[in-house]
Amino acid sequence: MEKKDEILTMASSVCQGKLEVPTDKEVEALREMKAIKKRVRILKRRLDELAPSGDKEVELEQRQLKAELAGLKTKWDEWETKRQKAAKERMVLLGHEKGIEDPV
């Protein structure tokens, strides 16, 4: 019920003007995902530059880079979920998909 109220509140605020496509939520998610992608490219480039040498410092940096990449993958998945949710809300508001049905 709470989710339906949220969607109805969004719909009433949208009805006063036009719905922007993509929505602010989608833009935020896409912006964050773009920043993550940029950081991943930098980290992967650095990882490729580090040849296996048996040097402890190099190995430590490789582990740190891999750990950061894993963290960025988690963040990417979170933002992808938020983006999909925002896209679904937009489609409901536009009437292209059904929203949450009343259980009554």
N, C-alpha and C. Protein backbone atom coordinates (compact mmCIF):
# COMPACT_ATOMS: atom_id res chain seq x y z
N MET A 1 0.83 -1.19 0.00
CA MET A 1 0.00 0.00 0.00
C MET A 1 0.87 1.25 0.00
N GLU A 2 1.95 1.20 0.76
CA GLU A 2 2.85 2.35 0.84
C GLU A 2 3.44 2.67 -0.52
N LYS A 3 3.81 1.65 -1.29
CA LYS A 3 4.40 1.83 -2.62
C LYS A 3 3.38 2.45 -3.57
N LYS A 4 2.13 2.02 -3.47
CA LYS A 4 1.09 2.56 -4.33
C LYS A 4 0.88 4.04 -4.02
N ASP A 5 0.89 4.40 -2.75
CA ASP A 5 0.74 5.80 -2.36
C ASP A 5 1.88 6.65 -2.92
N GLU A 6 3.09 6.09 -2.89
CA GLU A 6 4.25 6.81 -3.42
C GLU A 6 4.09 7.06 -4.92
N ILE A 7 3.63 6.05 -5.64
CA ILE A 7 3.43 6.20 -7.09
C ILE A 7 2.32 7.19 -7.38
N LEU A 8 1.24 7.12 -6.60
CA LEU A 8 0.15 8.07 -6.81
C LEU A 8 0.59 9.50 -6.51
N THR A 9 1.42 9.68 -5.50
CA THR A 9 1.95 11.01 -5.18
C THR A 9 2.80 11.51 -6.33
N MET A 10 3.62 10.63 -6.87
CA MET A 10 4.45 11.01 -8.00
C MET A 10 3.58 11.38 -9.20
N ALA A 11 2.55 10.60 -9.43
CA ALA A 11 1.67 10.85 -10.57
C ALA A 11 0.97 12.19 -10.44
N SER A 12 0.52 12.53 -9.25
CA SER A 12 -0.18 13.80 -9.07
C SER A 12 0.76 14.98 -9.27
N SER A 13 2.02 14.81 -8.87
CA SER A 13 2.97 15.90 -9.07
C SER A 13 3.36 16.02 -10.54
N VAL A 14 3.33 14.91 -11.26
CA VAL A 14 3.67 14.93 -12.67
C VAL A 14 2.54 15.51 -13.50
N CYS A 15 1.32 15.26 -13.09
CA CYS A 15 0.17 15.71 -13.86
C CYS A 15 0.13 17.23 -13.97
N GLN A 16 0.80 17.93 -13.07
CA GLN A 16 0.81 19.38 -13.13
C GLN A 16 1.68 19.88 -14.28
N GLY A 17 2.54 19.06 -14.79
CA GLY A 17 3.42 19.43 -15.89
C GLY A 17 3.75 18.18 -16.67
N LYS A 18 4.70 18.31 -17.56
CA LYS A 18 5.08 17.15 -18.35
C LYS A 18 6.11 16.32 -17.61
N LEU A 19 6.08 15.03 -17.85
CA LEU A 19 7.05 14.11 -17.28
C LEU A 19 8.30 14.16 -18.14
N GLU A 20 9.42 14.44 -17.50
CA GLU A 20 10.68 14.47 -18.23
C GLU A 20 11.18 13.04 -18.41
N VAL A 21 11.67 12.79 -19.61
CA VAL A 21 12.22 11.48 -19.91
C VAL A 21 13.65 11.68 -20.34
N PRO A 22 14.62 11.08 -19.73
CA PRO A 22 14.51 10.25 -18.54
C PRO A 22 14.21 11.09 -17.31
N THR A 23 13.71 10.45 -16.28
CA THR A 23 13.36 11.16 -15.05
C THR A 23 14.62 11.54 -14.28
N ASP A 24 14.45 12.38 -13.29
CA ASP A 24 15.59 12.80 -12.46
C ASP A 24 16.27 11.60 -11.80
N LYS A 25 15.46 10.65 -11.35
CA LYS A 25 16.02 9.45 -10.72
C LYS A 25 16.85 8.64 -11.71
N GLU A 26 16.34 8.54 -12.95
CA GLU A 26 17.08 7.81 -13.97
C GLU A 26 18.38 8.53 -14.32
N VAL A 27 18.31 9.84 -14.43
CA VAL A 27 19.50 10.62 -14.74
C VAL A 27 20.54 10.46 -13.65
N GLU A 28 20.11 10.51 -12.39
CA GLU A 28 21.04 10.34 -11.28
C GLU A 28 21.73 8.98 -11.35
N ALA A 29 20.94 7.94 -11.59
CA ALA A 29 21.50 6.59 -11.67
C ALA A 29 22.47 6.48 -12.84
N LEU A 30 22.09 7.01 -13.98
CA LEU A 30 22.96 6.95 -15.15
C LEU A 30 24.25 7.73 -14.94
N ARG A 31 24.15 8.87 -14.26
CA ARG A 31 25.33 9.68 -13.96
C ARG A 31 26.29 8.90 -13.05
N GLU A 32 25.74 8.26 -12.03
CA GLU A 32 26.58 7.47 -11.12
C GLU A 32 27.20 6.28 -11.83
N MET A 33 26.42 5.63 -12.69
CA MET A 33 26.93 4.48 -13.43
C MET A 33 28.04 4.90 -14.39
N LYS A 34 27.91 6.06 -14.99
CA LYS A 34 28.95 6.57 -15.88
C LYS A 34 30.23 6.84 -15.11
N ALA A 35 30.11 7.41 -13.92
CA ALA A 35 31.29 7.68 -13.08
C ALA A 35 31.96 6.37 -12.66
N ILE A 36 31.16 5.36 -12.33
CA ILE A 36 31.71 4.06 -11.97
C ILE A 36 32.46 3.46 -13.16
N LYS A 37 31.85 3.53 -14.33
CA LYS A 37 32.48 2.98 -15.53
C LYS A 37 33.82 3.66 -15.81
N LYS A 38 33.86 4.96 -15.63
CA LYS A 38 35.10 5.71 -15.85
C LYS A 38 36.18 5.24 -14.88
N ARG A 39 35.81 5.07 -13.60
CA ARG A 39 36.76 4.63 -12.59
C ARG A 39 37.24 3.20 -12.88
N VAL A 40 36.34 2.34 -13.33
CA VAL A 40 36.69 0.96 -13.66
C VAL A 40 37.72 0.94 -14.79
N ARG A 41 37.51 1.76 -15.80
CA ARG A 41 38.47 1.81 -16.91
C ARG A 41 39.86 2.21 -16.43
N ILE A 42 39.92 3.20 -15.55
CA ILE A 42 41.20 3.65 -15.00
C ILE A 42 41.87 2.52 -14.22
N LEU A 43 41.10 1.85 -13.37
CA LEU A 43 41.65 0.77 -12.55
C LEU A 43 42.12 -0.41 -13.40
N LYS A 44 41.34 -0.76 -14.41
CA LYS A 44 41.72 -1.88 -15.28
C LYS A 44 42.98 -1.54 -16.08
N ARG A 45 43.06 -0.31 -16.52
CA ARG A 45 44.25 0.12 -17.25
C ARG A 45 45.49 -0.02 -16.36
N ARG A 46 45.36 0.43 -15.12
CA ARG A 46 46.47 0.34 -14.17
C ARG A 46 46.80 -1.12 -13.89
N LEU A 47 45.80 -1.95 -13.74
CA LEU A 47 46.02 -3.37 -13.47
C LEU A 47 46.76 -4.02 -14.64
N ASP A 48 46.40 -3.65 -15.86
CA ASP A 48 47.09 -4.18 -17.04
C ASP A 48 48.54 -3.74 -17.10
N GLU A 49 48.83 -2.54 -16.58
CA GLU A 49 50.20 -2.03 -16.58
C GLU A 49 51.09 -2.78 -15.60
N LEU A 50 50.51 -3.34 -14.58
CA LEU A 50 51.28 -4.04 -13.55
C LEU A 50 51.54 -5.48 -13.98
N ALA A 51 52.73 -5.71 -14.47
CA ALA A 51 53.10 -7.06 -14.89
C ALA A 51 53.45 -7.89 -13.65
N PRO A 52 53.10 -9.17 -13.68
CA PRO A 52 53.48 -10.02 -12.55
C PRO A 52 55.01 -10.04 -12.41
N SER A 53 55.48 -9.61 -11.26
CA SER A 53 56.92 -9.51 -11.09
C SER A 53 57.41 -10.19 -9.82
N GLY A 54 56.52 -10.61 -8.98
CA GLY A 54 56.90 -11.20 -7.72
C GLY A 54 57.20 -10.16 -6.65
N ASP A 55 57.13 -8.89 -7.05
CA ASP A 55 57.37 -7.79 -6.12
C ASP A 55 56.17 -7.67 -5.18
N LYS A 56 56.45 -7.61 -3.88
CA LYS A 56 55.38 -7.54 -2.87
C LYS A 56 54.53 -6.29 -3.04
N GLU A 57 55.15 -5.16 -3.35
CA GLU A 57 54.40 -3.91 -3.51
C GLU A 57 53.46 -3.98 -4.71
N VAL A 58 53.94 -4.59 -5.79
CA VAL A 58 53.11 -4.74 -7.00
C VAL A 58 51.93 -5.67 -6.69
N GLU A 59 52.21 -6.76 -6.01
CA GLU A 59 51.15 -7.70 -5.65
C GLU A 59 50.11 -7.05 -4.73
N LEU A 60 50.58 -6.23 -3.81
CA LEU A 60 49.67 -5.52 -2.91
C LEU A 60 48.79 -4.56 -3.70
N GLU A 61 49.40 -3.82 -4.61
CA GLU A 61 48.61 -2.88 -5.43
C GLU A 61 47.60 -3.63 -6.29
N GLN A 62 47.99 -4.78 -6.84
CA GLN A 62 47.06 -5.58 -7.64
C GLN A 62 45.86 -6.04 -6.80
N ARG A 63 46.14 -6.49 -5.59
CA ARG A 63 45.04 -6.92 -4.71
C ARG A 63 44.13 -5.76 -4.37
N GLN A 64 44.71 -4.59 -4.12
CA GLN A 64 43.91 -3.41 -3.80
C GLN A 64 43.04 -3.00 -5.00
N LEU A 65 43.63 -3.04 -6.19
CA LEU A 65 42.88 -2.69 -7.40
C LEU A 65 41.72 -3.67 -7.61
N LYS A 66 41.99 -4.95 -7.42
CA LYS A 66 40.95 -5.96 -7.60
C LYS A 66 39.84 -5.81 -6.56
N ALA A 67 40.22 -5.45 -5.34
CA ALA A 67 39.22 -5.23 -4.29
C ALA A 67 38.35 -4.02 -4.63
N GLU A 68 38.99 -2.97 -5.11
CA GLU A 68 38.21 -1.78 -5.49
C GLU A 68 37.29 -2.08 -6.66
N LEU A 69 37.78 -2.87 -7.62
CA LEU A 69 36.92 -3.26 -8.75
C LEU A 69 35.72 -4.06 -8.27
N ALA A 70 35.92 -4.93 -7.30
CA ALA A 70 34.80 -5.72 -6.76
C ALA A 70 33.79 -4.81 -6.07
N GLY A 71 34.29 -3.81 -5.35
CA GLY A 71 33.38 -2.85 -4.70
C GLY A 71 32.61 -2.04 -5.71
N LEU A 72 33.27 -1.67 -6.80
CA LEU A 72 32.59 -0.91 -7.85
C LEU A 72 31.54 -1.76 -8.55
N LYS A 73 31.79 -3.05 -8.67
CA LYS A 73 30.80 -3.95 -9.27
C LYS A 73 29.53 -3.98 -8.40
N THR A 74 29.73 -4.01 -7.10
CA THR A 74 28.58 -3.99 -6.17
C THR A 74 27.81 -2.68 -6.31
N LYS A 75 28.54 -1.56 -6.36
CA LYS A 75 27.88 -0.26 -6.52
C LYS A 75 27.14 -0.20 -7.85
N TRP A 76 27.77 -0.71 -8.90
CA TRP A 76 27.13 -0.73 -10.23
C TRP A 76 25.80 -1.47 -10.16
N ASP A 77 25.81 -2.65 -9.53
CA ASP A 77 24.59 -3.45 -9.42
C ASP A 77 23.50 -2.70 -8.64
N GLU A 78 23.89 -1.99 -7.59
CA GLU A 78 22.93 -1.20 -6.81
C GLU A 78 22.32 -0.10 -7.66
N TRP A 79 23.16 0.62 -8.39
CA TRP A 79 22.66 1.71 -9.24
C TRP A 79 21.84 1.18 -10.40
N GLU A 80 22.18 0.02 -10.93
CA GLU A 80 21.40 -0.59 -12.00
C GLU A 80 20.00 -0.93 -11.49
N THR A 81 19.92 -1.44 -10.28
CA THR A 81 18.62 -1.75 -9.68
C THR A 81 17.80 -0.47 -9.51
N LYS A 82 18.44 0.59 -9.02
CA LYS A 82 17.74 1.87 -8.86
C LYS A 82 17.29 2.42 -10.20
N ARG A 83 18.13 2.28 -11.23
CA ARG A 83 17.76 2.77 -12.57
C ARG A 83 16.56 2.00 -13.10
N GLN A 84 16.58 0.69 -12.94
CA GLN A 84 15.45 -0.12 -13.41
C GLN A 84 14.16 0.23 -12.67
N LYS A 85 14.27 0.47 -11.37
CA LYS A 85 13.11 0.85 -10.57
C LYS A 85 12.56 2.20 -11.06
N ALA A 86 13.44 3.15 -11.32
CA ALA A 86 13.01 4.46 -11.79
C ALA A 86 12.37 4.36 -13.17
N ALA A 87 12.92 3.51 -14.02
CA ALA A 87 12.35 3.32 -15.36
C ALA A 87 10.96 2.69 -15.25
N LYS A 88 10.81 1.75 -14.35
CA LYS A 88 9.51 1.10 -14.13
C LYS A 88 8.49 2.13 -13.64
N GLU A 89 8.90 2.99 -12.69
CA GLU A 89 7.99 4.02 -12.18
C GLU A 89 7.57 4.97 -13.31
N ARG A 90 8.51 5.32 -14.17
CA ARG A 90 8.19 6.20 -15.30
C ARG A 90 7.18 5.54 -16.22
N MET A 91 7.40 4.26 -16.52
CA MET A 91 6.48 3.56 -17.42
C MET A 91 5.09 3.45 -16.82
N VAL A 92 5.00 3.27 -15.50
CA VAL A 92 3.70 3.23 -14.83
C VAL A 92 3.02 4.59 -14.94
N LEU A 93 3.79 5.65 -14.67
CA LEU A 93 3.22 7.00 -14.74
C LEU A 93 2.74 7.36 -16.14
N LEU A 94 3.45 6.86 -17.13
CA LEU A 94 3.06 7.13 -18.51
C LEU A 94 1.92 6.23 -18.98
N GLY A 95 1.60 5.24 -18.16
CA GLY A 95 0.49 4.34 -18.50
C GLY A 95 0.90 3.20 -19.41
N HIS A 96 2.19 2.98 -19.59
CA HIS A 96 2.66 1.90 -20.45
C HIS A 96 2.75 0.55 -19.74
N GLU A 97 2.78 0.60 -18.41
CA GLU A 97 2.81 -0.63 -17.61
C GLU A 97 1.83 -0.47 -16.47
N LYS A 98 1.39 -1.62 -15.96
CA LYS A 98 0.50 -1.58 -14.82
C LYS A 98 1.29 -1.35 -13.56
N GLY A 99 0.69 -0.58 -12.65
CA GLY A 99 1.33 -0.33 -11.36
C GLY A 99 0.96 -1.42 -10.38
N ILE A 100 1.18 -1.15 -9.13
CA ILE A 100 0.85 -2.09 -8.08
C ILE A 100 -0.68 -2.13 -7.94
N GLU A 101 -1.19 -3.32 -8.02
CA GLU A 101 -2.65 -3.51 -7.94
C GLU A 101 -3.11 -3.49 -6.48
N ASP A 102 -4.31 -3.01 -6.26
CA ASP A 102 -4.92 -3.05 -4.94
C ASP A 102 -5.22 -4.50 -4.59
N PRO A 103 -4.80 -4.93 -3.38
CA PRO A 103 -5.05 -6.32 -3.00
C PRO A 103 -6.51 -6.60 -2.71
N VAL A 104 -7.37 -5.59 -2.71
CA VAL A 104 -8.78 -5.75 -2.38
C VAL A 104 -9.57 -6.31 -3.53
